[in-house]
Every structure is written in C-alpha cells, then in structure tokens.
Amino acid sequence: MAMHTDHAHDFEHTGEVPKPQTKAIWRTFIILVAITALEFVIAFTMEASTVRNSIFIILTILKAFYIVGEFMHLKHETKSLIWTILLPMALITWLMVALISEGSYYFESVTNYFK
C-alpha cells in the first residue's frame, strides 16, 4: 500500500529569520550621496579645466566601482577577478585623462595660432 505522510512541516521555516541589512543599505546610500555632493561642489566652485574634468572622471569611476562592488556583489569575488576588472578600468581612466589634457593643449595651441 502507499504510504502517505504529512509534508506540511517540510515547508515551514526552521531556523532564524536573517536580520535586515538596513545599516549596510544606509551606509551605501550615505557614501554615494557624499560622492555625488562632492561632484556638485566641484562642478559649481571650480572653473572648467582639465583638472576638474579629471576629478570628475576619477569620482565617476570610483562611484561606479562602489556600485558594482555593492549591488553586483563583486566585493565577494576572488581577488584575481577584482583585479581583472579594476586594472583595465584604471588604464582606461589614465587614457581618458591623457586624451583630455592633450586635447585641451591642442585646442589652445590651434586657437592661439589663428588669433
């Protein structure tokens, strides 16, 4: 004959309910707001220059890496995977800063030549 058992107790949660991660969420929120506020302060206090653009690029990359680490859980991955992502980003940032500085130098030299 078939054996019937009551499986209702298998679906009940045994163990504790995990604590909510509100502290981590607020910490992430505060860090991202602070970086964004710093970007706004720099935008409205510094005049347009290569230094300001470089600071924006660096802060944007920093904010993007923090978002990837927190929301895409990259900080829990192996160190080799983190460096595989971080090193090319650092080189791309350096390339962007170099291109902006060279582009502004070229623009100023061409502008001064035709005056």
N, C-alpha and C. Protein backbone atom coordinates (compact mmCIF):
# COMPACT_ATOMS: atom_id res chain seq x y z
N MET A 1 0.81 -1.17 0.00
CA MET A 1 0.00 0.00 0.00
C MET A 1 0.87 1.25 0.00
N ALA A 2 0.29 2.31 -0.44
CA ALA A 2 1.01 3.57 -0.49
C ALA A 2 1.11 4.16 0.90
N MET A 3 2.25 4.78 1.12
CA MET A 3 2.45 5.38 2.43
C MET A 3 2.26 6.88 2.31
N HIS A 4 1.35 7.43 3.03
CA HIS A 4 1.06 8.85 2.99
C HIS A 4 1.62 9.51 4.24
N THR A 5 2.33 10.58 4.02
CA THR A 5 2.85 11.34 5.17
C THR A 5 2.41 12.78 5.03
N ASP A 6 2.43 13.45 6.10
CA ASP A 6 2.06 14.86 6.10
C ASP A 6 3.31 15.68 5.81
N HIS A 7 3.36 16.33 4.64
CA HIS A 7 4.53 17.12 4.26
C HIS A 7 4.40 18.59 4.61
N ALA A 8 3.41 18.95 5.37
CA ALA A 8 3.19 20.36 5.70
C ALA A 8 4.34 20.91 6.54
N HIS A 9 4.92 20.08 7.38
CA HIS A 9 6.02 20.57 8.22
C HIS A 9 7.31 20.76 7.44
N ASP A 10 7.42 20.18 6.22
CA ASP A 10 8.63 20.36 5.41
C ASP A 10 8.71 21.77 4.84
N PHE A 11 7.58 22.44 4.71
CA PHE A 11 7.58 23.76 4.11
C PHE A 11 7.74 24.88 5.14
N GLU A 12 7.70 24.53 6.39
CA GLU A 12 7.87 25.54 7.42
C GLU A 12 9.35 25.91 7.52
N HIS A 13 9.60 27.15 7.86
CA HIS A 13 10.98 27.60 8.02
C HIS A 13 11.50 27.15 9.37
N THR A 14 12.57 26.47 9.33
CA THR A 14 13.22 26.12 10.59
C THR A 14 14.47 26.97 10.69
N GLY A 15 14.66 27.62 11.76
CA GLY A 15 15.81 28.50 11.94
C GLY A 15 15.35 29.92 12.12
N GLU A 16 16.32 30.78 12.20
CA GLU A 16 16.02 32.18 12.47
C GLU A 16 15.85 32.96 11.18
N VAL A 17 15.09 34.00 11.27
CA VAL A 17 14.94 34.92 10.16
C VAL A 17 16.16 35.83 10.16
N PRO A 18 16.82 36.00 8.99
CA PRO A 18 18.02 36.85 8.98
C PRO A 18 17.67 38.30 9.29
N LYS A 19 18.61 38.98 9.93
CA LYS A 19 18.41 40.38 10.28
C LYS A 19 18.36 41.22 9.00
N PRO A 20 17.58 42.26 9.00
CA PRO A 20 17.56 43.15 7.82
C PRO A 20 18.89 43.88 7.69
N GLN A 21 19.25 44.17 6.47
CA GLN A 21 20.52 44.81 6.17
C GLN A 21 20.38 46.33 6.07
N THR A 22 19.62 46.93 6.96
CA THR A 22 19.36 48.37 6.86
C THR A 22 20.62 49.19 7.10
N LYS A 23 21.51 48.75 7.98
CA LYS A 23 22.75 49.51 8.21
C LYS A 23 23.61 49.54 6.96
N ALA A 24 23.72 48.42 6.28
CA ALA A 24 24.53 48.37 5.06
C ALA A 24 23.89 49.21 3.95
N ILE A 25 22.58 49.18 3.87
CA ILE A 25 21.89 49.98 2.85
C ILE A 25 22.07 51.47 3.11
N TRP A 26 21.93 51.90 4.37
CA TRP A 26 22.13 53.32 4.69
C TRP A 26 23.58 53.74 4.50
N ARG A 27 24.54 52.85 4.82
CA ARG A 27 25.95 53.18 4.61
C ARG A 27 26.23 53.39 3.12
N THR A 28 25.70 52.49 2.30
CA THR A 28 25.87 52.63 0.85
C THR A 28 25.23 53.92 0.35
N PHE A 29 24.04 54.22 0.84
CA PHE A 29 23.34 55.45 0.44
C PHE A 29 24.16 56.68 0.82
N ILE A 30 24.68 56.71 2.04
CA ILE A 30 25.44 57.88 2.50
C ILE A 30 26.73 58.05 1.71
N ILE A 31 27.41 56.95 1.41
CA ILE A 31 28.65 57.04 0.63
C ILE A 31 28.37 57.57 -0.77
N LEU A 32 27.33 57.06 -1.43
CA LEU A 32 27.01 57.52 -2.78
C LEU A 32 26.53 58.96 -2.79
N VAL A 33 25.78 59.37 -1.77
CA VAL A 33 25.34 60.77 -1.68
C VAL A 33 26.54 61.68 -1.44
N ALA A 34 27.48 61.25 -0.62
CA ALA A 34 28.67 62.07 -0.34
C ALA A 34 29.51 62.27 -1.59
N ILE A 35 29.70 61.21 -2.37
CA ILE A 35 30.48 61.35 -3.60
C ILE A 35 29.75 62.25 -4.59
N THR A 36 28.44 62.10 -4.70
CA THR A 36 27.66 62.95 -5.61
C THR A 36 27.68 64.40 -5.15
N ALA A 37 27.59 64.63 -3.85
CA ALA A 37 27.65 66.01 -3.33
C ALA A 37 29.01 66.62 -3.61
N LEU A 38 30.07 65.83 -3.47
CA LEU A 38 31.41 66.32 -3.78
C LEU A 38 31.52 66.69 -5.26
N GLU A 39 30.91 65.89 -6.12
CA GLU A 39 30.90 66.22 -7.54
C GLU A 39 30.16 67.54 -7.81
N PHE A 40 29.04 67.76 -7.13
CA PHE A 40 28.31 69.01 -7.29
C PHE A 40 29.12 70.20 -6.78
N VAL A 41 29.78 70.05 -5.66
CA VAL A 41 30.60 71.14 -5.11
C VAL A 41 31.71 71.49 -6.08
N ILE A 42 32.36 70.49 -6.62
CA ILE A 42 33.44 70.74 -7.60
C ILE A 42 32.87 71.38 -8.86
N ALA A 43 31.70 70.94 -9.29
CA ALA A 43 31.10 71.49 -10.52
C ALA A 43 30.78 72.97 -10.38
N PHE A 44 30.34 73.39 -9.20
CA PHE A 44 29.93 74.77 -9.04
C PHE A 44 30.99 75.69 -8.46
N THR A 45 32.12 75.14 -8.01
CA THR A 45 33.16 76.00 -7.44
C THR A 45 34.39 76.12 -8.32
N MET A 46 34.71 75.08 -9.08
CA MET A 46 35.90 75.14 -9.93
C MET A 46 35.51 75.59 -11.33
N GLU A 47 36.41 76.33 -11.95
CA GLU A 47 36.16 76.70 -13.33
C GLU A 47 36.55 75.54 -14.24
N ALA A 48 36.00 75.53 -15.43
CA ALA A 48 36.24 74.42 -16.36
C ALA A 48 37.71 74.32 -16.71
N SER A 49 38.28 73.16 -16.45
CA SER A 49 39.69 72.92 -16.77
C SER A 49 39.91 71.41 -16.85
N THR A 50 41.10 71.07 -17.22
CA THR A 50 41.47 69.66 -17.32
C THR A 50 41.47 69.01 -15.94
N VAL A 51 41.86 69.75 -14.93
CA VAL A 51 41.89 69.21 -13.57
C VAL A 51 40.47 68.85 -13.12
N ARG A 52 39.52 69.75 -13.37
CA ARG A 52 38.14 69.47 -12.98
C ARG A 52 37.59 68.27 -13.72
N ASN A 53 37.85 68.18 -15.01
CA ASN A 53 37.39 67.02 -15.78
C ASN A 53 38.02 65.73 -15.28
N SER A 54 39.30 65.79 -14.93
CA SER A 54 39.98 64.61 -14.41
C SER A 54 39.39 64.18 -13.07
N ILE A 55 39.08 65.14 -12.21
CA ILE A 55 38.46 64.82 -10.93
C ILE A 55 37.09 64.18 -11.14
N PHE A 56 36.31 64.70 -12.08
CA PHE A 56 35.01 64.12 -12.39
C PHE A 56 35.15 62.68 -12.88
N ILE A 57 36.10 62.44 -13.74
CA ILE A 57 36.30 61.09 -14.26
C ILE A 57 36.68 60.13 -13.13
N ILE A 58 37.59 60.55 -12.28
CA ILE A 58 38.03 59.70 -11.17
C ILE A 58 36.89 59.43 -10.20
N LEU A 59 36.12 60.46 -9.85
CA LEU A 59 35.00 60.26 -8.93
C LEU A 59 33.90 59.39 -9.55
N THR A 60 33.68 59.53 -10.84
CA THR A 60 32.67 58.72 -11.50
C THR A 60 33.09 57.25 -11.54
N ILE A 61 34.35 57.01 -11.82
CA ILE A 61 34.86 55.63 -11.82
C ILE A 61 34.81 55.05 -10.41
N LEU A 62 35.15 55.86 -9.41
CA LEU A 62 35.08 55.41 -8.02
C LEU A 62 33.65 55.04 -7.64
N LYS A 63 32.72 55.90 -8.01
CA LYS A 63 31.31 55.64 -7.70
C LYS A 63 30.82 54.40 -8.45
N ALA A 64 31.20 54.25 -9.70
CA ALA A 64 30.79 53.08 -10.47
C ALA A 64 31.36 51.80 -9.88
N PHE A 65 32.62 51.83 -9.45
CA PHE A 65 33.22 50.64 -8.87
C PHE A 65 32.56 50.29 -7.54
N TYR A 66 32.19 51.30 -6.76
CA TYR A 66 31.50 51.04 -5.50
C TYR A 66 30.12 50.43 -5.75
N ILE A 67 29.42 50.93 -6.76
CA ILE A 67 28.11 50.39 -7.10
C ILE A 67 28.23 48.94 -7.57
N VAL A 68 29.22 48.67 -8.40
CA VAL A 68 29.44 47.30 -8.86
C VAL A 68 29.81 46.40 -7.69
N GLY A 69 30.63 46.89 -6.78
CA GLY A 69 31.02 46.08 -5.63
C GLY A 69 29.87 45.78 -4.70
N GLU A 70 29.00 46.75 -4.49
CA GLU A 70 27.88 46.57 -3.57
C GLU A 70 26.71 45.83 -4.21
N PHE A 71 26.22 46.34 -5.33
CA PHE A 71 24.98 45.82 -5.89
C PHE A 71 25.17 44.61 -6.79
N MET A 72 26.35 44.45 -7.35
CA MET A 72 26.62 43.28 -8.17
C MET A 72 27.52 42.29 -7.44
N HIS A 73 27.75 42.56 -6.17
CA HIS A 73 28.46 41.66 -5.25
C HIS A 73 29.87 41.32 -5.71
N LEU A 74 30.55 42.25 -6.36
CA LEU A 74 31.91 42.00 -6.81
C LEU A 74 32.87 41.92 -5.63
N LYS A 75 32.55 42.58 -4.53
CA LYS A 75 33.46 42.56 -3.39
C LYS A 75 33.56 41.19 -2.75
N HIS A 76 32.63 40.29 -3.08
CA HIS A 76 32.65 38.94 -2.54
C HIS A 76 33.35 37.96 -3.47
N GLU A 77 33.84 38.44 -4.59
CA GLU A 77 34.50 37.56 -5.56
C GLU A 77 35.98 37.40 -5.20
N THR A 78 36.66 36.58 -5.98
CA THR A 78 38.09 36.36 -5.74
C THR A 78 38.88 37.60 -6.13
N LYS A 79 40.05 37.72 -5.54
CA LYS A 79 40.90 38.90 -5.80
C LYS A 79 41.34 38.97 -7.25
N SER A 80 41.57 37.84 -7.88
CA SER A 80 42.01 37.88 -9.28
C SER A 80 40.93 38.43 -10.20
N LEU A 81 39.67 38.11 -9.94
CA LEU A 81 38.59 38.66 -10.75
C LEU A 81 38.45 40.17 -10.51
N ILE A 82 38.60 40.60 -9.27
CA ILE A 82 38.53 42.03 -8.96
C ILE A 82 39.64 42.78 -9.69
N TRP A 83 40.86 42.26 -9.66
CA TRP A 83 41.97 42.93 -10.35
C TRP A 83 41.80 42.88 -11.87
N THR A 84 41.17 41.82 -12.37
CA THR A 84 40.91 41.73 -13.81
C THR A 84 39.98 42.84 -14.27
N ILE A 85 39.09 43.26 -13.41
CA ILE A 85 38.17 44.35 -13.75
C ILE A 85 38.78 45.70 -13.40
N LEU A 86 39.47 45.80 -12.27
CA LEU A 86 39.99 47.07 -11.79
C LEU A 86 41.16 47.60 -12.62
N LEU A 87 42.07 46.74 -13.00
CA LEU A 87 43.27 47.19 -13.74
C LEU A 87 42.93 47.80 -15.10
N PRO A 88 42.11 47.16 -15.94
CA PRO A 88 41.74 47.83 -17.19
C PRO A 88 40.99 49.14 -16.98
N MET A 89 40.16 49.20 -15.94
CA MET A 89 39.45 50.45 -15.66
C MET A 89 40.43 51.56 -15.29
N ALA A 90 41.46 51.23 -14.51
CA ALA A 90 42.47 52.23 -14.16
C ALA A 90 43.21 52.71 -15.40
N LEU A 91 43.52 51.78 -16.29
CA LEU A 91 44.22 52.17 -17.53
C LEU A 91 43.32 53.00 -18.44
N ILE A 92 42.05 52.68 -18.50
CA ILE A 92 41.12 53.47 -19.30
C ILE A 92 40.96 54.87 -18.71
N THR A 93 40.93 54.96 -17.39
CA THR A 93 40.86 56.27 -16.73
C THR A 93 42.09 57.09 -17.05
N TRP A 94 43.26 56.47 -16.97
CA TRP A 94 44.51 57.18 -17.31
C TRP A 94 44.47 57.64 -18.77
N LEU A 95 43.97 56.78 -19.67
CA LEU A 95 43.87 57.14 -21.08
C LEU A 95 42.94 58.33 -21.27
N MET A 96 41.81 58.34 -20.59
CA MET A 96 40.86 59.44 -20.73
C MET A 96 41.46 60.75 -20.22
N VAL A 97 42.14 60.71 -19.08
CA VAL A 97 42.77 61.92 -18.56
C VAL A 97 43.84 62.41 -19.52
N ALA A 98 44.63 61.50 -20.06
CA ALA A 98 45.68 61.89 -21.02
C ALA A 98 45.08 62.50 -22.28
N LEU A 99 44.01 61.91 -22.81
CA LEU A 99 43.39 62.44 -24.01
C LEU A 99 42.75 63.80 -23.77
N ILE A 100 42.16 63.99 -22.61
CA ILE A 100 41.56 65.30 -22.30
C ILE A 100 42.65 66.36 -22.18
N SER A 101 43.74 66.04 -21.50
CA SER A 101 44.80 67.05 -21.35
C SER A 101 45.46 67.37 -22.69
N GLU A 102 45.71 66.35 -23.52
CA GLU A 102 46.30 66.60 -24.82
C GLU A 102 45.32 67.34 -25.74
N GLY A 103 44.04 67.00 -25.63
CA GLY A 103 43.04 67.67 -26.46
C GLY A 103 42.90 69.14 -26.10
N SER A 104 42.96 69.44 -24.80
CA SER A 104 42.86 70.84 -24.40
C SER A 104 44.11 71.61 -24.81
N TYR A 105 45.28 70.96 -24.74
CA TYR A 105 46.51 71.61 -25.18
C TYR A 105 46.44 71.89 -26.69
N TYR A 106 45.99 70.92 -27.47
CA TYR A 106 45.88 71.09 -28.91
C TYR A 106 44.88 72.19 -29.25
N PHE A 107 43.75 72.23 -28.55
CA PHE A 107 42.74 73.26 -28.80
C PHE A 107 43.31 74.65 -28.51
N GLU A 108 44.03 74.80 -27.40
CA GLU A 108 44.61 76.10 -27.05
C GLU A 108 45.67 76.51 -28.06
N SER A 109 46.50 75.57 -28.53
CA SER A 109 47.55 75.92 -29.49
C SER A 109 46.97 76.29 -30.83
N VAL A 110 45.94 75.62 -31.28
CA VAL A 110 45.30 75.96 -32.56
C VAL A 110 44.58 77.30 -32.44
N THR A 111 43.91 77.53 -31.31
CA THR A 111 43.21 78.79 -31.10
C THR A 111 44.18 79.96 -31.07
N ASN A 112 45.30 79.79 -30.39
CA ASN A 112 46.30 80.85 -30.32
C ASN A 112 46.99 81.07 -31.66
N TYR A 113 47.13 80.05 -32.47
CA TYR A 113 47.79 80.17 -33.77
C TYR A 113 46.99 81.04 -34.72
N PHE A 114 45.67 80.92 -34.69
CA PHE A 114 44.83 81.65 -35.62
C PHE A 114 44.38 83.00 -35.10
N LYS A 115 44.85 83.43 -33.96
CA LYS A 115 44.47 84.76 -33.45
C LYS A 115 45.28 85.84 -34.07
